[in-house]
Amino acid sequence: MITESTLLENRYFDSVFLMRVSKRLSEQPGINYAALIMGTPKNIQILADAGYDGIDGLGASSNDLVVSLKADSS
């Protein structure tokens, strides 16, 4: 399994929109889990608890979009 996260600085989106996009991405073949969140400390902690190693090192702020995926390796 591949786990990857990326940070898009100063990209604010409404949480309802992000939940909808996360759900649609998670339904795609090969994607086990998708999370699109704003980089608040609480959201970053949720991803860290879910096994996204190194997520704390992104240096996200509350106005940053964090995109995290867990996908099949093949």
PDB file of N, CA and C in Angstrom:
ATOM      1  N   MET A   1       0.833  -1.171   0.000  1.00  0.00           N
ATOM      2  CA  MET A   1       0.000   0.000   0.000  1.00  0.00           C
ATOM      3  C   MET A   1       0.883   1.241   0.000  1.00  0.00           C
ATOM      4  N   ILE A   2       0.471   2.219  -0.757  1.00  0.00           N
ATOM      5  CA  ILE A   2       1.167   3.498  -0.851  1.00  0.00           C
ATOM      6  C   ILE A   2       0.385   4.527  -0.041  1.00  0.00           C
ATOM      7  N   THR A   3       1.097   5.289   0.767  1.00  0.00           N
ATOM      8  CA  THR A   3       0.500   6.382   1.528  1.00  0.00           C
ATOM      9  C   THR A   3       1.224   7.658   1.137  1.00  0.00           C
ATOM     10  N   GLU A   4       0.469   8.656   0.715  1.00  0.00           N
ATOM     11  CA  GLU A   4       1.078   9.902   0.257  1.00  0.00           C
ATOM     12  C   GLU A   4       0.227  11.084   0.694  1.00  0.00           C
ATOM     13  N   SER A   5       0.894  12.164   1.050  1.00  0.00           N
ATOM     14  CA  SER A   5       0.206  13.407   1.418  1.00  0.00           C
ATOM     15  C   SER A   5       0.924  14.572   0.767  1.00  0.00           C
ATOM     16  N   THR A   6       0.152  15.573   0.398  1.00  0.00           N
ATOM     17  CA  THR A   6       0.733  16.783  -0.159  1.00  0.00           C
ATOM     18  C   THR A   6      -0.002  17.998   0.402  1.00  0.00           C
ATOM     19  N   LEU A   7       0.677  19.115   0.381  1.00  0.00           N
ATOM     20  CA  LEU A   7       0.163  20.351   0.956  1.00  0.00           C
ATOM     21  C   LEU A   7       0.009  21.388  -0.150  1.00  0.00           C
ATOM     22  N   LEU A   8      -1.149  22.019  -0.207  1.00  0.00           N
ATOM     23  CA  LEU A   8      -1.390  23.126  -1.130  1.00  0.00           C
ATOM     24  C   LEU A   8      -1.638  24.366  -0.278  1.00  0.00           C
ATOM     25  N   GLU A   9      -0.672  25.256  -0.260  1.00  0.00           N
ATOM     26  CA  GLU A   9      -0.733  26.420   0.627  1.00  0.00           C
ATOM     27  C   GLU A   9      -1.799  27.418   0.188  1.00  0.00           C
ATOM     28  N   ASN A  10      -2.429  28.019   1.189  1.00  0.00           N
ATOM     29  CA  ASN A  10      -3.420  29.078   0.979  1.00  0.00           C
ATOM     30  C   ASN A  10      -4.512  28.684  -0.009  1.00  0.00           C
ATOM     31  N   ARG A  11      -5.038  27.481   0.158  1.00  0.00           N
ATOM     32  CA  ARG A  11      -6.134  26.980  -0.683  1.00  0.00           C
ATOM     33  C   ARG A  11      -7.281  26.579   0.232  1.00  0.00           C
ATOM     34  N   TYR A  12      -8.121  27.508   0.569  1.00  0.00           N
ATOM     35  CA  TYR A  12      -9.229  27.220   1.483  1.00  0.00           C
ATOM     36  C   TYR A  12     -10.430  26.671   0.720  1.00  0.00           C
ATOM     37  N   PHE A  13     -11.042  25.609   1.263  1.00  0.00           N
ATOM     38  CA  PHE A  13     -12.278  25.048   0.729  1.00  0.00           C
ATOM     39  C   PHE A  13     -13.198  24.712   1.894  1.00  0.00           C
ATOM     40  N   ASP A  14     -14.480  24.805   1.656  1.00  0.00           N
ATOM     41  CA  ASP A  14     -15.496  24.458   2.635  1.00  0.00           C
ATOM     42  C   ASP A  14     -15.407  22.978   2.978  1.00  0.00           C
ATOM     43  N   SER A  15     -15.631  22.646   4.247  1.00  0.00           N
ATOM     44  CA  SER A  15     -15.485  21.258   4.697  1.00  0.00           C
ATOM     45  C   SER A  15     -16.484  20.315   4.032  1.00  0.00           C
ATOM     46  N   VAL A  16     -17.683  20.773   3.739  1.00  0.00           N
ATOM     47  CA  VAL A  16     -18.669  19.915   3.071  1.00  0.00           C
ATOM     48  C   VAL A  16     -18.185  19.555   1.672  1.00  0.00           C
ATOM     49  N   PHE A  17     -17.644  20.527   0.959  1.00  0.00           N
ATOM     50  CA  PHE A  17     -17.082  20.264  -0.369  1.00  0.00           C
ATOM     51  C   PHE A  17     -15.945  19.255  -0.277  1.00  0.00           C
ATOM     52  N   LEU A  18     -15.059  19.428   0.694  1.00  0.00           N
ATOM     53  CA  LEU A  18     -13.927  18.515   0.847  1.00  0.00           C
ATOM     54  C   LEU A  18     -14.380  17.101   1.184  1.00  0.00           C
ATOM     55  N   MET A  19     -15.417  16.966   1.993  1.00  0.00           N
ATOM     56  CA  MET A  19     -15.944  15.629   2.306  1.00  0.00           C
ATOM     57  C   MET A  19     -16.509  14.960   1.059  1.00  0.00           C
ATOM     58  N   ARG A  20     -17.188  15.715   0.226  1.00  0.00           N
ATOM     59  CA  ARG A  20     -17.747  15.152  -1.009  1.00  0.00           C
ATOM     60  C   ARG A  20     -16.643  14.686  -1.950  1.00  0.00           C
ATOM     61  N   VAL A  21     -15.621  15.506  -2.105  1.00  0.00           N
ATOM     62  CA  VAL A  21     -14.506  15.128  -2.986  1.00  0.00           C
ATOM     63  C   VAL A  21     -13.769  13.919  -2.416  1.00  0.00           C
ATOM     64  N   SER A  22     -13.557  13.890  -1.109  1.00  0.00           N
ATOM     65  CA  SER A  22     -12.899  12.742  -0.468  1.00  0.00           C
ATOM     66  C   SER A  22     -13.674  11.459  -0.725  1.00  0.00           C
ATOM     67  N   LYS A  23     -14.987  11.525  -0.602  1.00  0.00           N
ATOM     68  CA  LYS A  23     -15.826  10.350  -0.836  1.00  0.00           C
ATOM     69  C   LYS A  23     -15.706   9.878  -2.281  1.00  0.00           C
ATOM     70  N   ARG A  24     -15.752  10.810  -3.226  1.00  0.00           N
ATOM     71  CA  ARG A  24     -15.651  10.444  -4.648  1.00  0.00           C
ATOM     72  C   ARG A  24     -14.295   9.829  -4.963  1.00  0.00           C
ATOM     73  N   LEU A  25     -13.237  10.392  -4.408  1.00  0.00           N
ATOM     74  CA  LEU A  25     -11.904   9.826  -4.631  1.00  0.00           C
ATOM     75  C   LEU A  25     -11.785   8.436  -4.025  1.00  0.00           C
ATOM     76  N   SER A  26     -12.342   8.248  -2.836  1.00  0.00           N
ATOM     77  CA  SER A  26     -12.267   6.948  -2.163  1.00  0.00           C
ATOM     78  C   SER A  26     -12.994   5.855  -2.932  1.00  0.00           C
ATOM     79  N   GLU A  27     -13.919   6.227  -3.783  1.00  0.00           N
ATOM     80  CA  GLU A  27     -14.674   5.264  -4.585  1.00  0.00           C
ATOM     81  C   GLU A  27     -13.937   4.831  -5.852  1.00  0.00           C
ATOM     82  N   GLN A  28     -12.814   5.472  -6.152  1.00  0.00           N
ATOM     83  CA  GLN A  28     -12.071   5.155  -7.368  1.00  0.00           C
ATOM     84  C   GLN A  28     -11.286   3.858  -7.196  1.00  0.00           C
ATOM     85  N   PRO A  29     -11.143   3.080  -8.281  1.00  0.00           N
ATOM     86  CA  PRO A  29     -10.376   1.831  -8.200  1.00  0.00           C
ATOM     87  C   PRO A  29      -8.942   2.083  -7.725  1.00  0.00           C
ATOM     88  N   GLY A  30      -8.489   1.267  -6.802  1.00  0.00           N
ATOM     89  CA  GLY A  30      -7.124   1.353  -6.299  1.00  0.00           C
ATOM     90  C   GLY A  30      -6.933   2.307  -5.144  1.00  0.00           C
ATOM     91  N   ILE A  31      -7.919   3.159  -4.881  1.00  0.00           N
ATOM     92  CA  ILE A  31      -7.825   4.100  -3.767  1.00  0.00           C
ATOM     93  C   ILE A  31      -8.525   3.482  -2.560  1.00  0.00           C
ATOM     94  N   ASN A  32      -7.779   3.267  -1.492  1.00  0.00           N
ATOM     95  CA  ASN A  32      -8.348   2.694  -0.276  1.00  0.00           C
ATOM     96  C   ASN A  32      -8.933   3.759   0.646  1.00  0.00           C
ATOM     97  N   TYR A  33      -8.328   4.934   0.645  1.00  0.00           N
ATOM     98  CA  TYR A  33      -8.771   6.003   1.531  1.00  0.00           C
ATOM     99  C   TYR A  33      -8.273   7.324   0.978  1.00  0.00           C
ATOM    100  N   ALA A  34      -9.146   8.308   0.941  1.00  0.00           N
ATOM    101  CA  ALA A  34      -8.764   9.648   0.501  1.00  0.00           C
ATOM    102  C   ALA A  34      -9.247  10.647   1.541  1.00  0.00           C
ATOM    103  N   ALA A  35      -8.394  11.584   1.877  1.00  0.00           N
ATOM    104  CA  ALA A  35      -8.759  12.635   2.824  1.00  0.00           C
ATOM    105  C   ALA A  35      -8.299  13.972   2.266  1.00  0.00           C
ATOM    106  N   LEU A  36      -9.234  14.863   2.081  1.00  0.00           N
ATOM    107  CA  LEU A  36      -8.937  16.243   1.734  1.00  0.00           C
ATOM    108  C   LEU A  36      -9.404  17.069   2.917  1.00  0.00           C
ATOM    109  N   ILE A  37      -8.469  17.713   3.574  1.00  0.00           N
ATOM    110  CA  ILE A  37      -8.780  18.433   4.808  1.00  0.00           C
ATOM    111  C   ILE A  37      -8.050  19.765   4.829  1.00  0.00           C
ATOM    112  N   MET A  38      -8.553  20.671   5.631  1.00  0.00           N
ATOM    113  CA  MET A  38      -7.816  21.886   5.914  1.00  0.00           C
ATOM    114  C   MET A  38      -6.780  21.544   6.985  1.00  0.00           C
ATOM    115  N   GLY A  39      -5.649  22.225   6.949  1.00  0.00           N
ATOM    116  CA  GLY A  39      -4.510  21.857   7.787  1.00  0.00           C
ATOM    117  C   GLY A  39      -4.568  22.330   9.223  1.00  0.00           C
ATOM    118  N   THR A  40      -5.719  22.222   9.849  1.00  0.00           N
ATOM    119  CA  THR A  40      -5.823  22.596  11.263  1.00  0.00           C
ATOM    120  C   THR A  40      -5.081  21.571  12.120  1.00  0.00           C
ATOM    121  N   PRO A  41      -4.619  21.966  13.289  1.00  0.00           N
ATOM    122  CA  PRO A  41      -3.927  21.004  14.154  1.00  0.00           C
ATOM    123  C   PRO A  41      -4.762  19.751  14.442  1.00  0.00           C
ATOM    124  N   LYS A  42      -6.061  19.919  14.678  1.00  0.00           N
ATOM    125  CA  LYS A  42      -6.925  18.772  14.964  1.00  0.00           C
ATOM    126  C   LYS A  42      -6.998  17.830  13.761  1.00  0.00           C
ATOM    127  N   ASN A  43      -7.165  18.371  12.552  1.00  0.00           N
ATOM    128  CA  ASN A  43      -7.231  17.534  11.352  1.00  0.00           C
ATOM    129  C   ASN A  43      -5.913  16.811  11.096  1.00  0.00           C
ATOM    130  N   ILE A  44      -4.804  17.493  11.311  1.00  0.00           N
ATOM    131  CA  ILE A  44      -3.493  16.864  11.126  1.00  0.00           C
ATOM    132  C   ILE A  44      -3.326  15.719  12.117  1.00  0.00           C
ATOM    133  N   GLN A  45      -3.777  15.912  13.348  1.00  0.00           N
ATOM    134  CA  GLN A  45      -3.690  14.844  14.349  1.00  0.00           C
ATOM    135  C   GLN A  45      -4.539  13.642  13.951  1.00  0.00           C
ATOM    136  N   ILE A  46      -5.709  13.880  13.375  1.00  0.00           N
ATOM    137  CA  ILE A  46      -6.565  12.780  12.911  1.00  0.00           C
ATOM    138  C   ILE A  46      -5.837  11.957  11.852  1.00  0.00           C
ATOM    139  N   LEU A  47      -5.176  12.618  10.908  1.00  0.00           N
ATOM    140  CA  LEU A  47      -4.424  11.887   9.881  1.00  0.00           C
ATOM    141  C   LEU A  47      -3.238  11.144  10.482  1.00  0.00           C
ATOM    142  N   ALA A  48      -2.555  11.759  11.420  1.00  0.00           N
ATOM    143  CA  ALA A  48      -1.428  11.083  12.072  1.00  0.00           C
ATOM    144  C   ALA A  48      -1.913   9.831  12.794  1.00  0.00           C
ATOM    145  N   ASP A  49      -3.043   9.932  13.465  1.00  0.00           N
ATOM    146  CA  ASP A  49      -3.618   8.777  14.161  1.00  0.00           C
ATOM    147  C   ASP A  49      -4.070   7.692  13.192  1.00  0.00           C
ATOM    148  N   ALA A  50      -4.397   8.085  11.952  1.00  0.00           N
ATOM    149  CA  ALA A  50      -4.837   7.131  10.929  1.00  0.00           C
ATOM    150  C   ALA A  50      -3.661   6.470  10.212  1.00  0.00           C
ATOM    151  N   GLY A  51      -2.432   6.813  10.623  1.00  0.00           N
ATOM    152  CA  GLY A  51      -1.271   6.137  10.061  1.00  0.00           C
ATOM    153  C   GLY A  51      -0.544   6.876   8.964  1.00  0.00           C
ATOM    154  N   TYR A  52      -0.821   8.152   8.788  1.00  0.00           N
ATOM    155  CA  TYR A  52      -0.087   8.937   7.799  1.00  0.00           C
ATOM    156  C   TYR A  52       1.200   9.444   8.443  1.00  0.00           C
ATOM    157  N   ASP A  53       2.259   8.663   8.331  1.00  0.00           N
ATOM    158  CA  ASP A  53       3.545   9.026   8.918  1.00  0.00           C
ATOM    159  C   ASP A  53       4.094  10.281   8.249  1.00  0.00           C
ATOM    160  N   GLY A  54       4.667  11.161   9.035  1.00  0.00           N
ATOM    161  CA  GLY A  54       5.289  12.368   8.511  1.00  0.00           C
ATOM    162  C   GLY A  54       4.326  13.495   8.219  1.00  0.00           C
ATOM    163  N   ILE A  55       3.047  13.301   8.492  1.00  0.00           N
ATOM    164  CA  ILE A  55       2.061  14.341   8.207  1.00  0.00           C
ATOM    165  C   ILE A  55       2.340  15.601   9.024  1.00  0.00           C
ATOM    166  N   ASP A  56       2.882  15.435  10.222  1.00  0.00           N
ATOM    167  CA  ASP A  56       3.206  16.592  11.063  1.00  0.00           C
ATOM    168  C   ASP A  56       4.291  17.454  10.431  1.00  0.00           C
ATOM    169  N   GLY A  57       5.153  16.845   9.636  1.00  0.00           N
ATOM    170  CA  GLY A  57       6.259  17.557   9.021  1.00  0.00           C
ATOM    171  C   GLY A  57       5.877  18.425   7.839  1.00  0.00           C
ATOM    172  N   LEU A  58       4.630  18.391   7.415  1.00  0.00           N
ATOM    173  CA  LEU A  58       4.213  19.219   6.283  1.00  0.00           C
ATOM    174  C   LEU A  58       4.182  20.700   6.629  1.00  0.00           C
ATOM    175  N   GLY A  59       4.016  21.013   7.894  1.00  0.00           N
ATOM    176  CA  GLY A  59       3.962  22.413   8.306  1.00  0.00           C
ATOM    177  C   GLY A  59       2.693  23.114   7.859  1.00  0.00           C
ATOM    178  N   ALA A  60       1.583  22.396   7.865  1.00  0.00           N
ATOM    179  CA  ALA A  60       0.315  22.945   7.389  1.00  0.00           C
ATOM    180  C   ALA A  60      -0.257  23.968   8.363  1.00  0.00           C
ATOM    181  N   SER A  61      -0.953  24.950   7.794  1.00  0.00           N
ATOM    182  CA  SER A  61      -1.693  25.913   8.607  1.00  0.00           C
ATOM    183  C   SER A  61      -3.182  25.748   8.314  1.00  0.00           C
ATOM    184  N   SER A  62      -3.994  26.454   9.037  1.00  0.00           N
ATOM    185  CA  SER A  62      -5.447  26.328   8.901  1.00  0.00           C
ATOM    186  C   SER A  62      -5.967  26.760   7.534  1.00  0.00           C
ATOM    187  N   ASN A  63      -5.188  27.533   6.783  1.00  0.00           N
ATOM    188  CA  ASN A  63      -5.594  27.974   5.446  1.00  0.00           C
ATOM    189  C   ASN A  63      -5.031  27.102   4.335  1.00  0.00           C
ATOM    190  N   ASP A  64      -4.356  26.020   4.686  1.00  0.00           N
ATOM    191  CA  ASP A  64      -3.741  25.135   3.695  1.00  0.00           C
ATOM    192  C   ASP A  64      -4.589  23.889   3.485  1.00  0.00           C
ATOM    193  N   LEU A  65      -4.639  23.425   2.249  1.00  0.00           N
ATOM    194  CA  LEU A  65      -5.338  22.191   1.916  1.00  0.00           C
ATOM    195  C   LEU A  65      -4.349  21.037   1.979  1.00  0.00           C
ATOM    196  N   VAL A  66      -4.718  19.974   2.667  1.00  0.00           N
ATOM    197  CA  VAL A  66      -3.904  18.765   2.744  1.00  0.00           C
ATOM    198  C   VAL A  66      -4.658  17.661   2.009  1.00  0.00           C
ATOM    199  N   VAL A  67      -3.983  17.039   1.043  1.00  0.00           N
ATOM    200  CA  VAL A  67      -4.549  15.926   0.284  1.00  0.00           C
ATOM    201  C   VAL A  67      -3.759  14.681   0.661  1.00  0.00           C
ATOM    202  N   SER A  68      -4.445  13.680   1.193  1.00  0.00           N
ATOM    203  CA  SER A  68      -3.793  12.446   1.634  1.00  0.00           C
ATOM    204  C   SER A  68      -4.521  11.251   1.032  1.00  0.00           C
ATOM    205  N   LEU A  69      -3.735  10.315   0.515  1.00  0.00           N
ATOM    206  CA  LEU A  69      -4.291   9.117  -0.108  1.00  0.00           C
ATOM    207  C   LEU A  69      -3.599   7.875   0.408  1.00  0.00           C
ATOM    208  N   LYS A  70      -4.368   6.807   0.522  1.00  0.00           N
ATOM    209  CA  LYS A  70      -3.831   5.462   0.705  1.00  0.00           C
ATOM    210  C   LYS A  70      -4.324   4.673  -0.497  1.00  0.00           C
ATOM    211  N   ALA A  71      -3.382   4.075  -1.230  1.00  0.00           N
ATOM    212  CA  ALA A  71      -3.744   3.399  -2.470  1.00  0.00           C
ATOM    213  C   ALA A  71      -3.001   2.085  -2.600  1.00  0.00           C
ATOM    214  N   ASP A  72      -3.546   1.199  -3.451  1.00  0.00           N
ATOM    215  CA  ASP A  72      -2.863  -0.047  -3.759  1.00  0.00           C
ATOM    216  C   ASP A  72      -1.537   0.267  -4.433  1.00  0.00           C
ATOM    217  N   SER A  73      -0.542  -0.566  -4.203  1.00  0.00           N
ATOM    218  CA  SER A  73       0.782  -0.316  -4.770  1.00  0.00           C
ATOM    219  C   SER A  73       0.907  -0.786  -6.208  1.00  0.00           C
ATOM    220  N   SER A  74      -0.060  -1.523  -6.716  1.00  0.00           N
ATOM    221  CA  SER A  74       0.056  -1.994  -8.100  1.00  0.00           C
ATOM    222  C   SER A  74      -0.806  -1.205  -9.045  1.00  0.00           C
TER     223      SER A  74
END
